[in-house]
Every structure is written in structure tokens, then in C-alpha cells.
Amino acid sequence: MMDEAFDIRASVRYVPMSPQKVRLVLDMIRELDVTEALDILRFTHKAAARTVLKLLKSAISNAEENFGFSRDDLVVHRIYADQGPIRRWRRFGARGRFKPILHRYSHITVVLHEREQEQ
């Protein structure tokens, strides 16, 4: 059992998608092995799945190249989406009314850990 676990991180910022929509995809892969998570993301029909898939592949590459971990030993320890900036736009409605449009952005972060080995 490891005393200290490495934090293998990858993040993407300013994703033009609301964090609420991204979190629906993130909840499916939290606490899973990375191979299972990759399979789930490949077959998920949500727009956020493509971005999260690229991010997870990047984190796996970081672990393999920089730290020498094997893909089979990695687990999605934490993954979260934070609120980015909101671009406010406007549309004019009937009777001179004002209809606000909010374009939301997300910052997504994934943290991988090595799986605890049974002894």
C-alpha cells in the first residue's frame, strides 16, 4: 500500500458548455478504472463526452510518459467541472422587452491515482 499517492492531473479550461451538462457525464465515470471510463465515454451520446474523453486520454498519457505508470493500474480518483466565465448576450423580444442569453463556460479537471494493490 502506498503511503503517498501521486496526483496525476489534467485540466481543460474555457469549454463552451455549461458545467451542469458536463457534470452529467462526469458522474458516470467517477471512481472507475480508466479503461472502463474510456469505454463508457466512447459510447455516450452527449456533447460533453467528447471533451471529457480527450481530457482523460491526456491525463493517461501524462501518467504513462511522465510518471511511468501503466494504464491498467490507474483509477479516476477525482473529476469535477467548475464554473467558468459567463458571456452575457441579449436578444430583443416583443413589445421592446429584453431577453438575456447566458453563454456559460466550464473548467474541467481530472485527477488520477494508482490503484491500491492488494497484498
C-alpha atoms as a PDB file:
ATOM      1  CA  MET A   1       0.000   0.000   0.000  1.00  0.00           C
ATOM      2  CA  MET A   2       1.340   3.401  -0.911  1.00  0.00           C
ATOM      3  CA  ASP A   3       1.891   5.980   1.772  1.00  0.00           C
ATOM      4  CA  GLU A   4       1.646   8.894  -0.595  1.00  0.00           C
ATOM      5  CA  ALA A   5      -0.220   8.782  -3.881  1.00  0.00           C
ATOM      6  CA  PHE A   6       0.779  10.789  -6.896  1.00  0.00           C
ATOM      7  CA  ASP A   7      -1.730  13.259  -8.223  1.00  0.00           C
ATOM      8  CA  ILE A   8      -1.730  12.876 -11.990  1.00  0.00           C
ATOM      9  CA  ARG A   9      -3.672  15.877 -13.197  1.00  0.00           C
ATOM     10  CA  ALA A  10      -5.008  17.186 -16.451  1.00  0.00           C
ATOM     11  CA  SER A  11      -7.361  20.079 -16.977  1.00  0.00           C
ATOM     12  CA  VAL A  12      -9.078  21.924 -19.749  1.00  0.00           C
ATOM     13  CA  ARG A  13     -10.364  25.451 -19.371  1.00  0.00           C
ATOM     14  CA  TYR A  14     -12.959  27.571 -21.123  1.00  0.00           C
ATOM     15  CA  VAL A  15     -15.034  24.703 -22.516  1.00  0.00           C
ATOM     16  CA  PRO A  16     -18.063  26.365 -24.140  1.00  0.00           C
ATOM     17  CA  MET A  17     -20.594  24.248 -22.273  1.00  0.00           C
ATOM     18  CA  SER A  18     -22.433  24.714 -19.022  1.00  0.00           C
ATOM     19  CA  PRO A  19     -20.941  22.883 -16.006  1.00  0.00           C
ATOM     20  CA  GLN A  20     -24.341  21.380 -15.230  1.00  0.00           C
ATOM     21  CA  LYS A  21     -24.307  19.498 -18.550  1.00  0.00           C
ATOM     22  CA  VAL A  22     -20.686  18.444 -18.127  1.00  0.00           C
ATOM     23  CA  ARG A  23     -21.317  17.070 -14.621  1.00  0.00           C
ATOM     24  CA  LEU A  24     -23.882  14.616 -16.014  1.00  0.00           C
ATOM     25  CA  VAL A  25     -21.069  12.948 -17.953  1.00  0.00           C
ATOM     26  CA  LEU A  26     -18.528  13.204 -15.131  1.00  0.00           C
ATOM     27  CA  ASP A  27     -20.827  11.409 -12.691  1.00  0.00           C
ATOM     28  CA  MET A  28     -20.799   8.333 -14.957  1.00  0.00           C
ATOM     29  CA  ILE A  29     -17.026   7.801 -14.765  1.00  0.00           C
ATOM     30  CA  ARG A  30     -16.110   8.925 -11.256  1.00  0.00           C
ATOM     31  CA  GLU A  31     -14.172   6.303  -9.198  1.00  0.00           C
ATOM     32  CA  LEU A  32     -13.838   3.883 -12.179  1.00  0.00           C
ATOM     33  CA  ASP A  33     -10.790   2.292 -13.772  1.00  0.00           C
ATOM     34  CA  VAL A  34      -9.588   4.382 -16.691  1.00  0.00           C
ATOM     35  CA  THR A  35     -10.154   1.586 -19.213  1.00  0.00           C
ATOM     36  CA  GLU A  36     -13.813   1.307 -18.157  1.00  0.00           C
ATOM     37  CA  ALA A  37     -14.171   5.086 -18.180  1.00  0.00           C
ATOM     38  CA  LEU A  38     -12.784   5.299 -21.724  1.00  0.00           C
ATOM     39  CA  ASP A  39     -15.275   2.672 -22.919  1.00  0.00           C
ATOM     40  CA  ILE A  40     -18.201   4.479 -21.294  1.00  0.00           C
ATOM     41  CA  LEU A  41     -17.200   7.837 -22.779  1.00  0.00           C
ATOM     42  CA  ARG A  42     -16.777   6.394 -26.291  1.00  0.00           C
ATOM     43  CA  PHE A  43     -20.410   5.276 -26.376  1.00  0.00           C
ATOM     44  CA  THR A  44     -22.066   8.156 -24.524  1.00  0.00           C
ATOM     45  CA  HIS A  45     -24.293  10.341 -26.698  1.00  0.00           C
ATOM     46  CA  LYS A  46     -23.660  13.682 -25.013  1.00  0.00           C
ATOM     47  CA  ALA A  47     -21.672  16.602 -26.350  1.00  0.00           C
ATOM     48  CA  ALA A  48     -19.535  16.799 -23.197  1.00  0.00           C
ATOM     49  CA  ALA A  49     -18.401  13.170 -23.584  1.00  0.00           C
ATOM     50  CA  ARG A  50     -16.065  14.026 -26.467  1.00  0.00           C
ATOM     51  CA  THR A  51     -14.276  16.750 -24.479  1.00  0.00           C
ATOM     52  CA  VAL A  52     -14.037  14.603 -21.342  1.00  0.00           C
ATOM     53  CA  LEU A  53     -12.688  11.697 -23.423  1.00  0.00           C
ATOM     54  CA  LYS A  54      -9.887  13.872 -24.802  1.00  0.00           C
ATOM     55  CA  LEU A  55      -9.097  15.140 -21.304  1.00  0.00           C
ATOM     56  CA  LEU A  56      -8.966  11.631 -19.845  1.00  0.00           C
ATOM     57  CA  LYS A  57      -6.673  10.448 -22.663  1.00  0.00           C
ATOM     58  CA  SER A  58      -4.396  13.389 -21.920  1.00  0.00           C
ATOM     59  CA  ALA A  59      -4.245  12.502 -18.216  1.00  0.00           C
ATOM     60  CA  ILE A  60      -3.444   8.869 -19.066  1.00  0.00           C
ATOM     61  CA  SER A  61      -0.653   9.996 -21.385  1.00  0.00           C
ATOM     62  CA  ASN A  62       0.751  12.212 -18.629  1.00  0.00           C
ATOM     63  CA  ALA A  63       0.784   9.244 -16.252  1.00  0.00           C
ATOM     64  CA  GLU A  64       2.471   6.918 -18.745  1.00  0.00           C
ATOM     65  CA  GLU A  65       5.084   9.336 -20.079  1.00  0.00           C
ATOM     66  CA  ASN A  66       5.950  11.442 -17.036  1.00  0.00           C
ATOM     67  CA  PHE A  67       5.492   9.010 -14.156  1.00  0.00           C
ATOM     68  CA  GLY A  68       5.852   5.573 -15.811  1.00  0.00           C
ATOM     69  CA  PHE A  69       2.508   4.191 -14.625  1.00  0.00           C
ATOM     70  CA  SER A  70       0.636   1.507 -16.517  1.00  0.00           C
ATOM     71  CA  ARG A  71      -2.784   2.308 -17.919  1.00  0.00           C
ATOM     72  CA  ASP A  72      -4.231  -0.799 -16.240  1.00  0.00           C
ATOM     73  CA  ASP A  73      -3.295   0.436 -12.752  1.00  0.00           C
ATOM     74  CA  LEU A  74      -4.948   3.875 -12.947  1.00  0.00           C
ATOM     75  CA  VAL A  75      -8.242   4.937 -11.386  1.00  0.00           C
ATOM     76  CA  VAL A  76     -10.228   8.156 -11.833  1.00  0.00           C
ATOM     77  CA  HIS A  77      -9.790   9.480  -8.297  1.00  0.00           C
ATOM     78  CA  ARG A  78     -11.477  12.866  -8.688  1.00  0.00           C
ATOM     79  CA  ILE A  79     -13.074  14.608 -11.621  1.00  0.00           C
ATOM     80  CA  TYR A  80     -15.004  17.845 -11.448  1.00  0.00           C
ATOM     81  CA  ALA A  81     -16.292  20.754 -13.507  1.00  0.00           C
ATOM     82  CA  ASP A  82     -16.124  24.296 -12.195  1.00  0.00           C
ATOM     83  CA  GLN A  83     -17.979  27.348 -13.450  1.00  0.00           C
ATOM     84  CA  GLY A  84     -16.033  29.480 -15.910  1.00  0.00           C
ATOM     85  CA  PRO A  85     -16.908  32.955 -17.058  1.00  0.00           C
ATOM     86  CA  ILE A  86     -20.395  33.757 -18.327  1.00  0.00           C
ATOM     87  CA  ARG A  87     -20.695  35.706 -21.554  1.00  0.00           C
ATOM     88  CA  ARG A  88     -23.864  37.732 -21.366  1.00  0.00           C
ATOM     89  CA  TRP A  89     -25.683  38.469 -24.589  1.00  0.00           C
ATOM     90  CA  ARG A  90     -29.028  39.996 -25.345  1.00  0.00           C
ATOM     91  CA  ARG A  91     -31.935  39.458 -27.664  1.00  0.00           C
ATOM     92  CA  PHE A  92     -34.823  41.814 -28.023  1.00  0.00           C
ATOM     93  CA  GLY A  93     -38.312  40.392 -27.671  1.00  0.00           C
ATOM     94  CA  ALA A  94     -41.790  41.584 -28.401  1.00  0.00           C
ATOM     95  CA  ARG A  95     -43.029  44.935 -27.054  1.00  0.00           C
ATOM     96  CA  GLY A  96     -39.481  46.222 -26.640  1.00  0.00           C
ATOM     97  CA  ARG A  97     -38.617  43.667 -23.979  1.00  0.00           C
ATOM     98  CA  PHE A  98     -35.124  42.435 -23.286  1.00  0.00           C
ATOM     99  CA  LYS A  99     -34.290  38.685 -23.376  1.00  0.00           C
ATOM    100  CA  PRO A 100     -30.924  37.854 -21.773  1.00  0.00           C
ATOM    101  CA  ILE A 101     -28.839  34.970 -23.139  1.00  0.00           C
ATOM    102  CA  LEU A 102     -26.141  33.462 -20.940  1.00  0.00           C
ATOM    103  CA  HIS A 103     -23.284  31.580 -22.645  1.00  0.00           C
ATOM    104  CA  ARG A 104     -21.691  29.530 -19.872  1.00  0.00           C
ATOM    105  CA  TYR A 105     -18.166  28.117 -19.825  1.00  0.00           C
ATOM    106  CA  SER A 106     -16.604  25.294 -17.786  1.00  0.00           C
ATOM    107  CA  HIS A 107     -13.211  24.387 -16.382  1.00  0.00           C
ATOM    108  CA  ILE A 108     -12.842  20.577 -16.151  1.00  0.00           C
ATOM    109  CA  THR A 109     -10.166  18.855 -14.046  1.00  0.00           C
ATOM    110  CA  VAL A 110      -9.341  15.152 -13.690  1.00  0.00           C
ATOM    111  CA  VAL A 111      -7.072  13.602 -11.028  1.00  0.00           C
ATOM    112  CA  LEU A 112      -5.855  10.026 -11.480  1.00  0.00           C
ATOM    113  CA  HIS A 113      -4.344   7.778  -8.811  1.00  0.00           C
ATOM    114  CA  GLU A 114      -2.671   4.414  -8.988  1.00  0.00           C
ATOM    115  CA  ARG A 115      -4.928   1.566  -7.875  1.00  0.00           C
ATOM    116  CA  GLU A 116      -4.215   0.253  -4.369  1.00  0.00           C
ATOM    117  CA  GLN A 117      -2.510  -3.137  -4.692  1.00  0.00           C
ATOM    118  CA  GLU A 118      -3.849  -5.988  -2.533  1.00  0.00           C
ATOM    119  CA  GLN A 119      -1.182  -7.755  -0.527  1.00  0.00           C
END
